[in-house]
Protein backbone atom coordinates (compact mmCIF):
# COMPACT_ATOMS: atom_id res chain seq x y z
CA MET A 1 41.21 -20.89 12.03
CA LYS A 2 43.06 -23.67 13.83
CA ARG A 3 46.29 -21.65 13.68
CA LEU A 4 44.51 -18.60 15.10
CA LEU A 5 42.90 -20.64 17.87
CA THR A 6 46.28 -22.09 18.79
CA ILE A 7 47.82 -18.62 19.06
CA LEU A 8 44.96 -17.30 21.18
CA LEU A 9 45.24 -20.23 23.57
CA LEU A 10 48.99 -19.85 23.80
CA MET A 11 48.68 -16.16 24.65
CA ILE A 12 47.00 -16.93 27.96
CA PRO A 13 50.23 -17.54 29.95
CA LEU A 14 51.69 -14.20 28.91
CA ALA A 15 49.52 -12.25 31.32
CA SER A 16 51.17 -13.92 34.29
CA GLN A 17 54.77 -13.70 33.06
CA SER A 18 57.02 -11.18 34.79
CA GLN A 19 60.66 -10.82 35.73
CA GLU A 20 62.35 -8.75 38.37
CA PHE A 21 64.80 -6.11 37.20
CA SER A 22 67.26 -7.44 39.77
CA THR A 23 68.24 -10.28 37.43
CA PHE A 24 69.30 -10.66 33.81
CA THR A 25 68.54 -13.90 31.98
CA ALA A 26 70.29 -15.22 28.89
CA ALA A 27 69.46 -18.48 27.12
CA TRP A 28 71.05 -20.52 24.37
CA TRP A 29 69.33 -23.07 22.15
CA ASN A 30 70.27 -24.82 18.94
CA VAL A 31 66.76 -25.18 17.50
CA GLU A 32 67.89 -27.58 14.75
CA ASN A 33 66.97 -26.76 11.17
CA LEU A 34 64.55 -23.87 11.52
CA PHE A 35 64.10 -23.39 7.77
CA ASP A 36 61.64 -21.43 5.71
CA LEU A 37 59.69 -23.11 2.87
CA ARG A 38 61.60 -21.62 -0.05
CA ASP A 39 64.46 -23.19 -1.99
CA ASP A 40 67.37 -20.76 -1.87
CA PRO A 41 69.48 -21.44 -4.97
CA LYS A 42 72.60 -20.18 -3.16
CA THR A 43 72.44 -22.78 -0.36
CA ASN A 44 71.84 -26.48 0.13
CA ASP A 45 68.39 -26.16 1.68
CA GLU A 46 66.24 -27.90 -0.91
CA GLU A 47 65.35 -30.83 1.36
CA PHE A 48 63.49 -28.40 3.65
CA THR A 49 60.80 -27.41 1.17
CA PRO A 50 57.30 -28.82 0.59
CA GLU A 51 58.63 -30.73 -2.41
CA GLY A 52 61.90 -31.76 -0.76
CA ASP A 53 62.87 -35.00 0.93
CA ARG A 54 61.68 -33.72 4.33
CA HIS A 55 58.32 -32.46 3.01
CA TRP A 56 58.75 -29.31 5.10
CA THR A 57 55.37 -27.57 5.13
CA ARG A 58 53.77 -24.41 6.51
CA ARG A 59 52.00 -26.52 9.12
CA ARG A 60 55.26 -28.03 10.33
CA LEU A 61 57.01 -24.65 10.40
CA ASN A 62 54.14 -23.15 12.41
CA ALA A 63 54.20 -26.08 14.84
CA LYS A 64 57.93 -25.63 15.37
CA CYS A 65 57.66 -21.88 15.98
CA ASP A 66 54.76 -22.42 18.40
CA GLY A 67 56.79 -25.08 20.24
CA ILE A 68 59.78 -22.74 20.59
CA TYR A 69 57.44 -20.01 21.85
CA LYS A 70 55.88 -22.29 24.48
CA THR A 71 59.34 -23.39 25.63
CA LEU A 72 60.48 -19.78 26.09
CA VAL A 73 57.35 -19.08 28.15
CA MET A 74 58.25 -22.05 30.37
CA MET A 75 61.71 -20.47 30.73
CA ASP A 76 60.05 -17.25 31.99
CA LEU A 77 60.73 -15.37 28.74
CA PRO A 78 64.50 -14.73 28.95
CA ASP A 79 65.86 -11.26 28.33
CA VAL A 80 68.05 -12.52 25.47
CA VAL A 81 68.10 -15.85 23.63
CA GLY A 82 70.87 -17.02 21.33
CA LEU A 83 69.60 -19.34 18.61
CA GLY A 84 71.44 -21.76 16.36
CA GLU A 85 70.44 -23.30 13.02
CA VAL A 86 68.05 -20.59 11.87
CA GLU A 87 67.96 -20.08 8.13
CA ASN A 88 67.23 -16.39 7.80
CA ALA A 89 65.36 -13.31 8.99
CA TYR A 90 62.06 -14.70 7.67
CA VAL A 91 61.90 -17.55 10.19
CA LEU A 92 62.90 -15.15 12.96
CA ARG A 93 59.98 -12.90 12.03
CA GLU A 94 57.69 -15.92 12.05
CA LEU A 95 58.89 -16.73 15.57
CA CYS A 96 58.93 -13.21 17.00
CA GLN A 97 55.90 -11.75 15.24
CA GLY A 98 53.85 -14.75 14.10
CA THR A 99 53.52 -16.19 17.62
CA PRO A 100 52.48 -14.51 20.89
CA LEU A 101 56.13 -13.54 21.43
CA ALA A 102 55.05 -10.40 19.58
CA GLN A 103 53.23 -9.39 22.78
CA VAL A 104 56.40 -9.43 24.91
CA PRO A 105 57.97 -7.92 22.65
CA TYR A 106 60.93 -9.80 21.14
CA ARG A 107 63.16 -8.36 18.42
CA TYR A 108 66.05 -10.07 16.65
CA VAL A 109 69.60 -9.54 15.38
CA HIS A 110 70.72 -11.68 12.46
CA TYR A 111 73.28 -11.67 9.66
CA ASP A 112 73.58 -14.15 6.81
CA SER A 113 76.67 -16.33 7.05
CA PRO A 114 78.58 -18.30 4.38
CA ASP A 115 77.47 -21.69 5.71
CA ARG A 116 76.77 -23.99 2.76
CA ARG A 117 73.41 -25.14 4.17
CA GLY A 118 72.35 -21.57 4.83
CA ILE A 119 71.99 -21.94 8.60
CA ASP A 120 73.03 -19.06 10.83
CA VAL A 121 73.06 -17.94 14.44
CA ALA A 122 70.83 -15.14 15.76
CA LEU A 123 69.88 -13.31 18.92
CA ILE A 124 66.32 -12.51 19.94
CA TYR A 125 65.89 -10.07 22.79
CA ARG A 126 63.20 -8.40 24.82
CA SER A 127 63.21 -4.78 23.73
CA ASP A 128 61.50 -3.82 26.99
CA ARG A 129 64.50 -5.15 28.96
CA PHE A 130 67.50 -4.82 26.64
CA THR A 131 68.58 -2.22 24.08
CA VAL A 132 71.03 -3.14 21.34
CA THR A 133 73.68 -0.45 20.89
CA ALA A 134 75.88 -2.21 18.32
CA SER A 135 76.07 -5.50 16.45
CA ARG A 136 78.32 -7.14 13.90
CA LYS A 137 79.30 -10.51 12.53
CA VAL A 138 82.81 -11.92 12.75
CA ASN A 139 83.72 -14.16 9.83
CA VAL A 140 85.51 -17.29 11.04
CA SER A 141 85.43 -19.24 7.78
CA ASP A 142 88.69 -20.35 6.20
CA SER A 143 88.09 -19.23 2.64
CA ALA A 144 91.63 -20.09 1.56
CA ALA A 145 90.94 -23.72 2.45
CA GLY A 146 87.42 -23.58 1.02
CA TYR A 147 85.98 -24.12 4.50
CA PHE A 148 82.83 -22.15 5.25
CA THR A 149 80.97 -22.07 8.55
CA ARG A 150 78.75 -19.92 10.71
CA ASP A 151 79.96 -16.44 11.69
CA ILE A 152 80.21 -15.36 15.32
CA LEU A 153 77.45 -12.86 16.08
CA VAL A 154 78.55 -10.04 18.41
CA VAL A 155 75.86 -7.92 20.07
CA GLU A 156 76.53 -5.05 22.47
CA GLY A 157 73.73 -3.59 24.54
CA VAL A 158 72.48 -2.24 27.82
CA ARG A 159 69.76 -3.30 30.22
CA VAL A 160 66.53 -1.30 30.33
CA SER A 161 64.77 -0.48 33.59
CA PRO A 162 61.02 -1.03 34.13
CA GLU A 163 60.61 2.70 33.58
CA GLY A 164 62.12 2.36 30.12
CA GLU A 165 65.45 3.97 31.00
CA LYS A 166 68.87 2.55 30.23
CA ALA A 167 70.54 1.17 33.35
CA GLU A 168 73.81 3.09 33.50
CA GLY A 169 76.80 0.78 33.78
CA ASP A 170 74.76 -2.38 33.13
CA SER A 171 76.19 -3.16 29.70
CA VAL A 172 75.98 -6.68 28.33
CA CYS A 173 77.95 -8.08 25.39
CA ILE A 174 76.78 -11.34 23.84
CA LEU A 175 78.64 -13.55 21.37
CA VAL A 176 76.58 -16.24 19.64
CA ASN A 177 78.40 -19.24 18.16
CA HIS A 178 77.89 -22.42 16.20
CA TRP A 179 81.23 -24.12 15.58
CA PRO A 180 81.87 -26.79 12.91
CA SER A 181 80.42 -30.23 13.56
CA LYS A 182 82.39 -33.35 14.33
CA ARG A 183 81.40 -34.83 10.98
CA GLY A 184 84.30 -32.90 9.45
CA GLY A 185 86.92 -35.09 11.15
CA ASP A 186 90.44 -33.75 11.72
CA GLU A 187 89.87 -30.67 9.59
CA ALA A 188 86.83 -29.68 11.64
CA ASP A 189 88.82 -30.27 14.85
CA ALA A 190 91.48 -27.84 13.63
CA GLN A 191 88.85 -25.29 12.60
CA ARG A 192 87.15 -25.44 16.01
CA LEU A 193 90.51 -24.89 17.69
CA ARG A 194 91.16 -21.83 15.51
CA ILE A 195 87.67 -20.41 16.08
CA ALA A 196 87.99 -20.95 19.84
CA ASP A 197 91.13 -18.82 19.87
CA THR A 198 89.27 -16.12 17.96
CA LEU A 199 86.37 -16.19 20.43
CA ARG A 200 88.73 -15.98 23.39
CA HIS A 201 90.35 -12.83 22.02
CA LEU A 202 86.97 -11.30 21.15
CA MET A 203 85.80 -11.77 24.74
CA VAL A 204 88.96 -10.23 26.18
CA ASP A 205 88.77 -7.28 23.77
CA LEU A 206 85.10 -6.62 24.62
CA HIS A 207 85.86 -6.70 28.33
CA ALA A 208 88.68 -4.21 27.81
CA LYS A 209 86.29 -1.97 25.86
CA HIS A 210 83.48 -2.32 28.45
CA PRO A 211 85.20 -3.00 31.82
CA THR A 212 81.92 -3.01 33.78
CA ALA A 213 80.00 -5.14 31.28
CA ALA A 214 79.03 -8.78 31.43
CA VAL A 215 80.51 -10.59 28.43
CA ILE A 216 78.59 -13.80 27.61
CA ALA A 217 79.62 -16.23 24.87
CA MET A 218 77.14 -18.97 24.12
CA GLY A 219 76.61 -21.57 21.48
CA ASP A 220 76.84 -25.05 20.08
CA MET A 221 80.62 -25.50 20.16
CA ASN A 222 80.44 -29.16 19.12
CA SER A 223 83.11 -29.68 21.78
CA THR A 224 83.09 -30.98 25.33
CA SER A 225 85.20 -29.25 27.96
CA ASP A 226 88.01 -31.83 27.74
CA GLU A 227 88.48 -31.49 23.96
CA ASP A 228 91.17 -29.28 22.44
CA ALA A 229 88.88 -26.48 21.29
CA ILE A 230 87.85 -25.76 24.89
CA ALA A 231 90.88 -27.03 26.82
CA VAL A 232 93.50 -25.48 24.52
CA GLY A 233 91.78 -22.95 22.25
CA MET A 234 89.82 -21.33 25.10
CA GLY A 235 92.63 -22.02 27.54
CA PHE A 236 90.79 -23.97 30.25
CA ALA A 237 92.97 -27.09 30.44
CA GLY A 238 90.58 -28.80 32.86
CA ASP A 239 89.90 -25.71 34.98
CA SER A 240 86.66 -23.74 35.21
CA ILE A 241 88.48 -20.38 34.88
CA ASN A 242 91.09 -19.66 32.21
CA PRO A 243 94.08 -17.26 32.53
CA ASP A 244 92.00 -14.39 31.14
CA GLY A 245 89.39 -14.76 33.88
CA ILE A 246 86.81 -16.31 31.53
CA ARG A 247 84.59 -18.84 33.29
CA LEU A 248 83.28 -22.05 31.76
CA LEU A 249 79.84 -22.12 33.34
CA THR A 250 78.68 -25.45 31.95
CA GLN A 251 81.04 -27.23 34.33
CA ARG A 252 78.47 -26.39 37.01
CA LEU A 253 75.87 -28.66 35.40
CA PRO A 254 75.14 -32.26 36.47
CA ASN A 255 77.38 -34.72 34.65
CA ASP A 256 74.71 -37.42 34.36
CA TRP A 257 72.96 -35.30 31.73
CA GLY A 258 74.01 -33.18 28.77
CA SER A 259 72.70 -30.79 26.17
CA HIS A 260 72.95 -33.39 23.39
CA LYS A 261 72.83 -37.17 23.23
CA TYR A 262 74.90 -39.23 20.82
CA GLN A 263 74.79 -43.04 20.63
CA GLY A 264 73.18 -43.23 24.05
CA GLN A 265 75.64 -40.87 25.77
CA TRP A 266 74.74 -37.42 27.10
CA ARG A 267 77.35 -34.71 26.43
CA TYR A 268 77.66 -30.97 26.93
CA ILE A 269 78.65 -29.70 23.51
CA ASP A 270 76.64 -26.51 24.07
CA GLN A 271 78.67 -24.12 26.21
CA ILE A 272 78.35 -20.77 27.97
CA PHE A 273 81.43 -18.71 28.81
CA PHE A 274 81.31 -15.67 31.08
CA LEU A 275 83.68 -12.75 31.70
CA ALA A 276 82.90 -9.87 34.07
CA ASP A 277 84.20 -8.10 37.14
CA GLU A 278 83.07 -9.06 40.63
CA SER A 279 80.06 -6.71 40.50
CA TRP A 280 78.26 -9.29 38.33
CA GLN A 281 77.23 -12.53 39.99
CA VAL A 282 76.22 -15.82 38.41
CA LYS A 283 73.03 -16.85 40.19
CA LYS A 284 72.27 -20.05 38.29
CA LEU A 285 72.85 -21.96 35.08
CA LYS A 286 70.23 -24.57 34.29
CA LEU A 287 69.75 -27.25 31.68
CA MET A 288 66.10 -27.13 30.62
CA LYS A 289 64.79 -30.71 30.65
CA PHE A 290 61.11 -30.09 29.92
CA ASP A 291 59.04 -33.20 29.23
CA HIS A 292 57.93 -32.01 25.79
CA LEU A 293 61.58 -31.71 24.70
CA LEU A 294 62.31 -35.38 25.45
CA THR A 295 61.27 -38.81 24.23
CA ASP A 296 62.22 -42.43 24.93
CA ASP A 297 65.59 -43.36 23.46
CA GLY A 298 64.41 -46.43 21.58
CA ASN A 299 66.31 -49.55 22.59
CA ARG A 300 68.74 -47.50 24.69
CA PRO A 301 68.05 -46.64 28.33
CA GLY A 302 66.57 -43.31 29.31
CA GLN A 303 65.46 -40.43 27.13
CA ARG A 304 66.84 -38.31 24.32
CA PRO A 305 65.85 -34.94 22.85
CA LYS A 306 62.75 -35.17 20.67
CA ARG A 307 63.84 -34.02 17.24
CA THR A 308 61.80 -32.48 14.44
CA TYR A 309 63.02 -35.30 12.20
CA GLN A 310 64.53 -38.58 13.30
CA GLY A 311 66.37 -39.49 10.13
CA PRO A 312 63.89 -38.95 7.28
CA ARG A 313 60.87 -39.50 9.55
CA TYR A 314 58.96 -36.48 10.89
CA GLU A 315 58.95 -36.85 14.69
CA GLY A 316 57.29 -33.54 15.52
CA GLY A 317 59.76 -32.45 18.20
CA LEU A 318 61.75 -29.24 18.40
CA SER A 319 65.47 -30.03 18.48
CA ASP A 320 68.22 -32.56 19.09
CA HIS A 321 69.65 -30.13 21.68
CA LEU A 322 68.32 -29.00 25.05
CA PRO A 323 68.41 -25.28 25.91
CA LEU A 324 70.53 -23.65 28.61
CA LEU A 325 69.32 -20.78 30.81
CA LEU A 326 71.69 -18.43 32.63
CA ARG A 327 70.50 -16.13 35.40
CA LEU A 328 72.79 -13.26 36.44
CA VAL A 329 72.63 -10.70 39.22
CA PRO A 330 73.76 -7.34 37.80
CA PRO A 331 75.68 -4.70 39.77
CA GLN A 332 73.59 -3.40 42.65
CA LYS A 333 73.09 0.35 42.71
């Protein structure tokens, strides 16, 4: 009953949510350990079960899905949302169909990846505003070296008009990423550099295939703009536009904040890259600093993201990352 009451109360804002067709919105968010309750014997997910070290329960999973839903409402229900650290299609169904997002409606694209913990990337999208025409995963693991990580998710689609018709020429290609973490040391640095080069070529190839499309790459790259993966692998070398015409949009964001905080320092390790002709315009990129996503940073000054778990302790937050929201102006007819 309490779960049902929560859903009914949360549905109230949906009636007032609307977006103009003159813009296209894309968000990225690493939602940190969105696991189901089951122990998958093929992955290292046993701590996120009711019997595991984290005591991950149905109540906590529901609270996390409801919190993600409320955050997306506060972001005006983006057309597409790239998600990181989701375990499988089950948790995506819980989010898209077990919360009032089902009223929007949101659908999802997901493929299992070879990550040892079983966490993947995914895309949820508003089927009333975006139609998926093709999708695939690109394996970027180094199996020869025994190094397994998240695939790159590639989704091709087209905008949908309020009348339900495809908007001719308004194609959008989205690449969702979650590169290896810094915990892997020098090996992880080399893997991120290699994956960055792969992403760069994927973006260029998609733009050649769809010359009038907007190509958006988003994700937790675990790299700031001055590190080799971005500066060398993506070819930026301190600039906001690389030789291929790809733009690093996160350089537009205020440098006194970041998408992630580590040892008291804000950093942008979540990135959005953009490639399109001049008919597409970037209206705004925003870091979403909602109060419910933040908490006091202990004995350090300022705030930090409010996590689901702080160490082994359940904190009841949503993620150690803040989401990014991109607003584009498509070609004008």
